């Protein structure tokens, strides 16, 4: 009966296999359901029509338009200086800033005047001699000019003119002992004081004029387009584009008003930028800030330049403008990638001349792998609940 011992396991395995086959043949089929992909969720904003003037932002340093070294025009000892002859002091037009000892120059003027008096006498003597000679030689037709004393008269008159020129020079040198300037300004530094001997050409001080200051502003090509100005632009007499300058001074935001007066005619070779020059009149006087702060030379300021007025343009948030000047627009729940023409862009917004409708819904959040026509939904607007999967 040993064969029963071996065949029993075989029969059990065969029965199990048969039962498994019957169960697999009769099991119900799993139901198949179609899964719908969820639309991509984004944040959006509406494009807005605009006809306002574009604003270009730039930065620059305030510079003195006129800055000179004040030098001595005569030699001598300094005998007096103005109370304002110090660093930061005021320069009043035509006021005496420094005085050089004028004793030698007064004496020189007196000598020159004496020479004029002597030269005038010499002219009168020469004329008298010439008159006598003319009477004596009136019957001689071939009388020479020398015999008629004409060269002597001319020489006497020339000496008189030279003497008068010496008086003018002495008068000028005497006036130059009082040092002044024809414009209002500020002292940057001073190099002379009472008792010091100065020679002709000695630097006395460094001064800048305060009537007008300049601000050099670097502009990109797109900024120049937003201003609507050509390379080499020069403002007309009634002024160029208005500029609002601002800077934080003494813990407060200060603002000043100015104008753009010209654009360089050449590109800067080092920065490859184009520079424009703005000016501010009376920065230390009438054109102070609201907090009575002057627009000081050397101050670094921000500039808001009023550009050209846009017509038929639209404004979108800066985040909606993509690389390559493209904008993602939602229309009927689908994504549309639109190429646009940018008039101007800043840190907060972009102004478009063409490419999208004034009321278009634009995407302002990142979109992974954007494709034209893909399903998309705005999180800014209420939506219908998605069907249960």
Protein backbone atom coordinates (compact mmCIF):
# COMPACT_ATOMS: atom_id res chain seq x y z
CA UNK A 1 0.00 0.00 0.00
CA UNK A 2 3.05 2.24 -0.34
CA UNK A 3 1.75 3.60 -3.64
CA UNK A 4 -1.19 5.22 -1.81
CA UNK A 5 1.30 7.11 0.35
CA UNK A 6 2.85 8.73 -2.72
CA UNK A 7 -0.24 9.29 -4.89
CA UNK A 8 -2.32 11.06 -2.23
CA UNK A 9 -0.33 14.35 -2.35
CA UNK A 10 -0.46 14.34 -6.15
CA UNK A 11 -4.24 14.03 -6.14
CA UNK A 12 -4.53 16.92 -3.62
CA UNK A 13 -2.39 19.24 -5.77
CA UNK A 14 -4.32 18.35 -8.92
CA UNK A 15 -7.62 19.10 -7.21
CA UNK A 16 -6.38 22.47 -5.98
CA UNK A 17 -5.24 23.43 -9.48
CA UNK A 18 -8.61 22.49 -10.97
CA UNK A 19 -10.48 24.49 -8.33
CA UNK A 20 -8.28 27.57 -9.00
CA UNK A 21 -8.95 27.34 -12.74
CA UNK A 22 -12.72 27.21 -12.17
CA UNK A 23 -12.62 30.25 -9.85
CA UNK A 24 -10.52 32.34 -12.29
CA UNK A 25 -12.85 31.51 -15.15
CA UNK A 26 -15.92 32.65 -13.21
CA UNK A 27 -14.51 35.89 -11.47
CA UNK A 28 -16.24 39.18 -12.40
CA UNK A 29 -14.39 41.67 -14.66
CA UNK A 30 -13.19 44.93 -13.01
CA UNK A 31 -15.08 48.02 -14.18
CA UNK A 32 -13.03 50.54 -16.23
CA UNK A 33 -13.52 54.29 -15.55
CA UNK A 34 -12.13 57.23 -17.51
CA UNK A 35 -10.06 59.60 -15.30
CA UNK A 36 -10.21 63.27 -16.26
CA UNK A 37 -7.01 65.32 -15.66
CA UNK A 38 -7.40 68.31 -13.36
CA UNK A 39 -6.89 71.77 -14.97
CA UNK A 40 -3.76 73.68 -13.93
CA UNK A 41 -4.59 76.23 -11.23
CA UNK A 42 -3.09 79.72 -11.57
CA UNK A 43 -3.49 83.25 -10.27
CA UNK A 44 -4.60 85.87 -12.78
CA UNK A 45 -5.13 89.60 -13.22
CA UNK A 46 -7.01 91.69 -15.75
CA UNK A 47 -5.24 93.84 -18.33
CA UNK A 48 -6.29 97.47 -18.15
CA UNK A 49 -6.44 100.08 -20.92
CA UNK A 50 -4.21 103.10 -20.30
CA UNK A 51 -3.62 106.49 -21.88
CA UNK A 52 -1.42 107.98 -19.18
CA UNK A 53 2.13 109.22 -19.61
CA UNK A 54 4.83 106.60 -19.24
CA UNK A 55 7.23 107.00 -16.31
CA UNK A 56 10.88 106.02 -16.69
CA UNK A 57 12.91 105.34 -13.54
CA UNK A 58 16.64 106.07 -13.46
CA UNK A 59 19.37 106.96 -10.98
CA UNK A 60 22.24 109.40 -11.02
CA UNK A 61 24.61 111.62 -9.07
CA UNK A 62 24.16 115.36 -8.65
CA UNK A 63 27.05 117.28 -10.20
CA UNK A 64 27.97 120.95 -10.32
CA UNK A 65 27.66 122.32 -13.83
CA UNK A 66 30.30 124.98 -13.13
CA UNK A 67 33.27 124.16 -10.89
CA UNK A 68 36.48 126.19 -10.97
CA UNK A 69 39.78 126.77 -9.21
CA UNK A 70 39.96 130.38 -8.02
CA UNK A 71 43.53 131.64 -8.63
CA UNK A 72 45.42 134.84 -7.85
CA UNK A 73 45.79 137.21 -10.82
CA UNK A 74 48.40 139.36 -9.05
CA UNK A 75 51.14 138.73 -6.49
CA UNK A 76 51.18 140.01 -2.95
CA UNK A 77 50.40 139.39 0.69
CA UNK A 78 46.84 138.49 1.68
CA UNK A 79 45.57 141.21 4.02
CA UNK A 80 41.90 140.21 4.43
CA UNK A 81 39.48 137.37 3.69
CA UNK A 82 35.69 137.21 3.84
CA UNK A 83 33.93 135.43 6.70
CA UNK A 84 32.46 133.14 4.03
CA UNK A 85 35.93 132.21 2.73
CA UNK A 86 35.74 128.74 4.31
CA UNK A 87 34.69 125.27 3.20
CA UNK A 88 30.93 125.34 2.59
CA UNK A 89 30.83 129.14 2.65
CA UNK A 90 28.61 131.13 0.32
CA UNK A 91 29.89 132.99 -2.71
CA UNK A 92 27.97 136.22 -3.35
CA UNK A 93 28.25 137.54 -6.92
CA UNK A 94 30.87 140.33 -7.26
CA UNK A 95 31.46 140.48 -3.49
CA UNK A 96 35.09 140.68 -2.28
CA UNK A 97 36.17 137.24 -1.09
CA UNK A 98 39.87 137.95 -0.49
CA UNK A 99 42.04 141.09 -0.62
CA UNK A 100 45.72 141.31 -1.51
CA UNK A 101 47.96 144.19 -0.34
CA UNK A 102 47.49 146.91 -2.98
CA UNK A 103 50.24 149.36 -1.97
CA UNK A 104 52.58 148.49 -4.84
CA UNK A 105 49.72 148.58 -7.33
CA UNK A 106 48.56 152.04 -6.20
CA UNK A 107 52.10 153.33 -6.66
CA UNK A 108 52.29 151.70 -10.08
CA UNK A 109 49.04 153.42 -11.06
CA UNK A 110 50.39 156.80 -9.89
CA UNK A 111 53.56 156.33 -11.96
CA UNK A 112 51.51 155.34 -14.99
CA UNK A 113 49.33 158.43 -14.66
CA UNK A 114 52.47 160.60 -14.39
CA UNK A 115 53.80 159.03 -17.57
CA UNK A 116 50.54 159.90 -19.30
CA UNK A 117 50.87 163.51 -18.20
CA UNK A 118 54.44 163.66 -19.50
CA UNK A 119 53.46 162.00 -22.76
CA UNK A 120 50.66 164.51 -23.28
CA UNK A 121 53.18 167.36 -22.88
CA UNK A 122 55.49 165.67 -25.39
CA UNK A 123 52.64 165.47 -27.89
CA UNK A 124 51.88 169.18 -27.46
CA UNK A 125 55.57 170.05 -27.92
CA UNK A 126 55.79 167.86 -31.02
CA UNK A 127 52.68 169.49 -32.49
CA UNK A 128 54.08 172.96 -31.79
CA UNK A 129 57.40 172.09 -33.45
CA UNK A 130 55.55 170.66 -36.42
CA UNK A 131 53.47 173.82 -36.73
CA UNK A 132 56.60 176.00 -36.73
CA UNK A 133 58.29 173.77 -39.30
CA UNK A 134 55.23 173.84 -41.55
CA UNK A 135 55.20 177.65 -41.51
CA UNK A 136 58.91 177.85 -42.21
CA UNK A 137 58.75 175.40 -45.09
CA UNK A 138 55.42 176.44 -46.57
CA UNK A 139 57.10 177.74 -49.73
CA UNK A 140 59.15 174.59 -50.24
CA UNK A 141 57.13 172.00 -52.12
CA UNK A 142 59.69 169.22 -51.71
CA UNK A 143 59.91 169.52 -47.92
CA UNK A 144 60.27 166.06 -46.39
CA UNK A 145 58.02 164.61 -43.71
CA UNK A 146 60.99 164.55 -41.35
CA UNK A 147 61.56 168.25 -41.94
CA UNK A 148 57.91 168.89 -41.22
CA UNK A 149 58.26 167.02 -37.87
CA UNK A 150 55.56 164.46 -38.77
CA UNK A 151 57.50 161.39 -37.49
CA UNK A 152 58.19 163.22 -34.24
CA UNK A 153 54.48 163.93 -33.77
CA UNK A 154 53.59 160.29 -34.50
CA UNK A 155 56.23 159.10 -32.04
CA UNK A 156 54.93 161.41 -29.31
CA UNK A 157 51.38 160.22 -29.87
CA UNK A 158 52.49 156.57 -29.75
CA UNK A 159 54.23 157.17 -26.44
CA UNK A 160 51.05 158.76 -25.13
CA UNK A 161 49.01 155.70 -26.14
CA UNK A 162 51.56 153.42 -24.46
CA UNK A 163 51.38 155.50 -21.29
CA UNK A 164 47.58 155.32 -21.31
CA UNK A 165 47.80 151.53 -21.74
CA UNK A 166 50.08 151.40 -18.70
CA UNK A 167 47.42 153.27 -16.74
CA UNK A 168 44.80 150.75 -17.84
CA UNK A 169 47.05 147.84 -16.85
CA UNK A 170 47.87 149.40 -13.49
CA UNK A 171 44.17 150.06 -12.86
CA UNK A 172 43.34 146.46 -13.75
CA UNK A 173 46.09 145.09 -11.48
CA UNK A 174 44.83 147.28 -8.64
CA UNK A 175 41.30 145.95 -9.13
CA UNK A 176 42.62 142.38 -9.14
CA UNK A 177 43.87 142.78 -5.58
CA UNK A 178 40.19 142.36 -4.63
CA UNK A 179 39.26 138.79 -5.56
CA UNK A 180 35.61 138.13 -6.47
CA UNK A 181 33.44 135.92 -8.69
CA UNK A 182 30.57 136.86 -11.01
CA UNK A 183 28.25 134.05 -9.87
CA UNK A 184 26.64 132.67 -6.72
CA UNK A 185 28.22 129.50 -5.41
CA UNK A 186 29.74 127.48 -2.59
CA UNK A 187 33.33 126.95 -1.48
CA UNK A 188 34.54 123.36 -1.75
CA UNK A 189 37.95 124.15 -0.25
CA UNK A 190 40.17 127.17 0.52
CA UNK A 191 43.97 127.39 0.28
CA UNK A 192 44.84 130.92 1.47
CA UNK A 193 44.61 133.00 4.63
CA UNK A 194 45.59 136.37 6.04
CA UNK A 195 49.36 136.96 6.02
CA UNK A 196 50.10 134.42 3.30
CA UNK A 197 52.06 135.59 0.24
CA UNK A 198 50.55 134.47 -3.04
CA UNK A 199 52.07 134.57 -6.51
CA UNK A 200 50.40 135.03 -9.86
CA UNK A 201 48.45 131.82 -10.58
CA UNK A 202 48.43 130.54 -6.98
CA UNK A 203 45.23 128.48 -6.32
CA UNK A 204 43.21 130.27 -3.66
CA UNK A 205 40.07 128.11 -3.47
CA UNK A 206 37.83 125.65 -5.31
CA UNK A 207 34.27 126.81 -5.96
CA UNK A 208 31.12 125.53 -7.67
CA UNK A 209 28.17 127.57 -8.93
CA UNK A 210 24.77 126.98 -7.35
CA UNK A 211 22.54 128.49 -10.03
CA UNK A 212 22.18 125.14 -11.83
CA UNK A 213 23.23 121.56 -11.04
CA UNK A 214 23.23 118.59 -13.41
CA UNK A 215 22.28 114.94 -12.94
CA UNK A 216 23.63 112.35 -15.37
CA UNK A 217 21.14 109.52 -15.97
CA UNK A 218 21.89 106.21 -17.71
CA UNK A 219 19.09 105.09 -20.06
CA UNK A 220 18.50 101.76 -21.77
CA UNK A 221 17.11 101.50 -25.29
CA UNK A 222 13.62 100.64 -24.01
CA UNK A 223 13.67 103.62 -21.63
CA UNK A 224 14.66 105.93 -24.48
CA UNK A 225 11.74 104.54 -26.49
CA UNK A 226 9.36 105.16 -23.58
CA UNK A 227 10.53 108.78 -23.46
CA UNK A 228 10.05 109.15 -27.20
CA UNK A 229 13.36 111.00 -27.56
CA UNK A 230 16.04 110.63 -30.25
CA UNK A 231 19.77 110.24 -29.67
CA UNK A 232 21.31 113.71 -29.50
CA UNK A 233 18.08 115.31 -28.24
CA UNK A 234 18.28 118.91 -27.01
CA UNK A 235 15.39 120.43 -25.08
CA UNK A 236 13.63 123.50 -26.50
CA UNK A 237 13.62 126.82 -24.67
CA UNK A 238 10.35 126.00 -22.90
CA UNK A 239 11.98 122.94 -21.32
CA UNK A 240 12.17 119.17 -21.78
CA UNK A 241 10.43 116.26 -20.02
CA UNK A 242 9.67 116.88 -16.34
CA UNK A 243 11.63 114.89 -13.74
CA UNK A 244 10.91 114.22 -10.09
CA UNK A 245 14.08 113.55 -8.10
CA UNK A 246 13.98 111.86 -4.71
CA UNK A 247 16.41 110.76 -2.02
CA UNK A 248 16.37 110.01 1.68
CA UNK A 249 18.25 112.76 3.53
CA UNK A 250 18.24 113.32 7.30
CA UNK A 251 15.88 110.38 7.71
CA UNK A 252 13.18 111.87 5.46
CA UNK A 253 12.21 111.36 1.84
CA UNK A 254 13.06 114.55 -0.02
CA UNK A 255 11.83 115.46 -3.52
CA UNK A 256 12.94 118.07 -6.06
CA UNK A 257 11.73 119.08 -9.52
CA UNK A 258 13.89 119.26 -12.63
CA UNK A 259 13.93 118.83 -16.40
CA UNK A 260 15.71 116.66 -18.93
CA UNK A 261 17.71 119.01 -21.16
CA UNK A 262 19.71 116.80 -23.50
CA UNK A 263 20.62 113.26 -24.55
CA UNK A 264 24.18 112.35 -25.49
CA UNK A 265 24.94 111.91 -29.18
CA UNK A 266 27.09 108.81 -28.59
CA UNK A 267 26.83 105.54 -26.66
CA UNK A 268 29.12 105.24 -23.65
CA UNK A 269 31.77 102.67 -24.73
CA UNK A 270 32.32 101.19 -21.27
CA UNK A 271 28.72 100.64 -20.16
CA UNK A 272 27.06 100.51 -23.62
CA UNK A 273 24.39 102.79 -22.16
CA UNK A 274 23.14 106.13 -23.38
CA UNK A 275 23.36 109.02 -20.93
CA UNK A 276 20.96 111.91 -20.56
CA UNK A 277 21.53 115.12 -18.62
CA UNK A 278 18.91 116.65 -16.36
CA UNK A 279 19.16 120.01 -14.67
CA UNK A 280 17.75 121.54 -11.50
CA UNK A 281 17.75 125.32 -11.10
CA UNK A 282 18.37 127.06 -7.76
CA UNK A 283 18.89 123.79 -5.84
CA UNK A 284 20.24 125.65 -2.79
CA UNK A 285 17.66 128.43 -2.84
CA UNK A 286 14.21 128.44 -4.50
CA UNK A 287 14.08 124.77 -5.49
CA UNK A 288 14.59 123.17 -2.10
CA UNK A 289 12.60 120.09 -1.11
CA UNK A 290 9.32 120.14 0.83
CA UNK A 291 11.43 119.79 3.98
CA UNK A 292 13.66 122.73 2.93
CA UNK A 293 16.57 120.45 2.01
CA UNK A 294 18.87 121.56 -0.85
CA UNK A 295 19.72 119.20 -3.68
CA UNK A 296 23.36 118.90 -2.66
CA UNK A 297 26.19 118.24 -5.09
CA UNK A 298 27.36 114.63 -4.74
CA UNK A 299 23.96 113.32 -3.64
CA UNK A 300 22.78 110.09 -5.31
CA UNK A 301 19.13 110.44 -6.36
CA UNK A 302 16.32 108.48 -7.98
CA UNK A 303 14.64 110.06 -10.99
CA UNK A 304 11.11 109.61 -12.32
CA UNK A 305 11.03 110.95 -15.88
CA UNK A 306 7.69 111.72 -17.50
CA UNK A 307 7.66 110.02 -20.91
CA UNK A 308 5.33 110.04 -23.88
CA UNK A 309 1.58 109.56 -23.52
CA UNK A 310 0.27 106.16 -24.57
CA UNK A 311 -2.87 105.72 -26.68
CA UNK A 312 -4.62 102.38 -27.09
CA UNK A 313 -2.11 100.65 -24.81
CA UNK A 314 -2.79 98.18 -22.00
CA UNK A 315 -1.13 97.78 -18.62
CA UNK A 316 -0.43 94.40 -17.02
CA UNK A 317 1.40 93.38 -13.82
CA UNK A 318 5.13 92.89 -14.35
CA UNK A 319 4.76 89.23 -13.29
CA UNK A 320 2.52 88.58 -16.31
CA UNK A 321 5.27 89.41 -18.81
CA UNK A 322 7.24 86.26 -19.69
CA UNK A 323 10.64 85.75 -21.28
CA UNK A 324 10.69 86.59 -24.96
CA UNK A 325 7.95 89.21 -24.50
CA UNK A 326 5.11 86.71 -24.15
CA UNK A 327 1.93 86.79 -22.06
CA UNK A 328 -0.22 83.82 -20.95
CA UNK A 329 -3.92 84.58 -21.47
CA UNK A 330 -6.91 82.53 -20.26
CA UNK A 331 -9.80 82.28 -22.70
CA UNK A 332 -12.70 79.85 -22.24
CA UNK A 333 -10.70 77.84 -19.72
CA UNK A 334 -7.80 77.34 -22.13
CA UNK A 335 -4.27 78.76 -22.10
CA UNK A 336 -3.22 80.99 -25.00
CA UNK A 337 0.41 82.10 -25.33
CA UNK A 338 0.45 85.59 -26.89
CA UNK A 339 3.49 87.48 -28.23
CA UNK A 340 3.30 91.16 -27.28
CA UNK A 341 5.02 94.45 -28.08
CA UNK A 342 6.31 96.12 -24.91
CA UNK A 343 6.33 99.91 -24.69
CA UNK A 344 7.72 100.13 -21.18
CA UNK A 345 8.27 97.95 -18.15
CA UNK A 346 9.13 98.62 -14.54
CA UNK A 347 9.40 96.59 -11.36
CA UNK A 348 5.62 96.60 -10.91
CA UNK A 349 4.00 96.81 -14.33
CA UNK A 350 4.45 96.56 -18.09
CA UNK A 351 2.79 98.69 -20.75
CA UNK A 352 1.96 96.87 -24.00
CA UNK A 353 1.31 98.49 -27.35
CA UNK A 354 -0.19 95.38 -28.97
CA UNK A 355 -0.79 91.67 -28.45
CA UNK A 356 -3.74 91.31 -26.07
CA UNK A 357 -7.20 92.80 -25.56
CA UNK A 358 -7.67 95.58 -22.96
CA UNK A 359 -9.78 93.29 -20.72
CA UNK A 360 -7.77 90.09 -21.19
CA UNK A 361 -7.27 87.78 -18.20
CA UNK A 362 -3.51 87.26 -17.86
CA UNK A 363 -1.64 84.69 -15.78
CA UNK A 364 0.63 86.14 -13.09
CA UNK A 365 1.80 82.92 -11.38
CA UNK A 366 4.36 80.39 -12.70
CA UNK A 367 3.11 77.72 -15.12
CA UNK A 368 5.03 74.46 -15.49
CA UNK A 369 5.38 73.26 -19.11
CA UNK A 370 2.90 75.72 -20.65
CA UNK A 371 1.21 74.54 -23.86
CA UNK A 372 -1.24 76.39 -26.07
CA UNK A 373 -4.75 75.03 -25.44
CA UNK A 374 -4.04 73.32 -22.13
CA UNK A 375 -6.83 73.36 -19.52
CA UNK A 376 -6.32 76.07 -16.96
CA UNK A 377 -8.37 77.57 -14.14
CA UNK A 378 -8.08 80.85 -12.25
CA UNK A 379 -7.90 80.75 -8.47
CA UNK A 380 -9.07 84.36 -8.34
CA UNK A 381 -12.62 83.52 -9.48
CA UNK A 382 -15.27 81.15 -8.04
CA UNK A 383 -15.41 77.89 -10.00
CA UNK A 384 -17.77 74.92 -10.29
CA UNK A 385 -16.74 71.97 -8.09
CA UNK A 386 -14.95 69.22 -9.99
CA UNK A 387 -16.88 66.03 -10.62
CA UNK A 388 -16.01 63.20 -8.31
CA UNK A 389 -13.64 60.74 -9.83
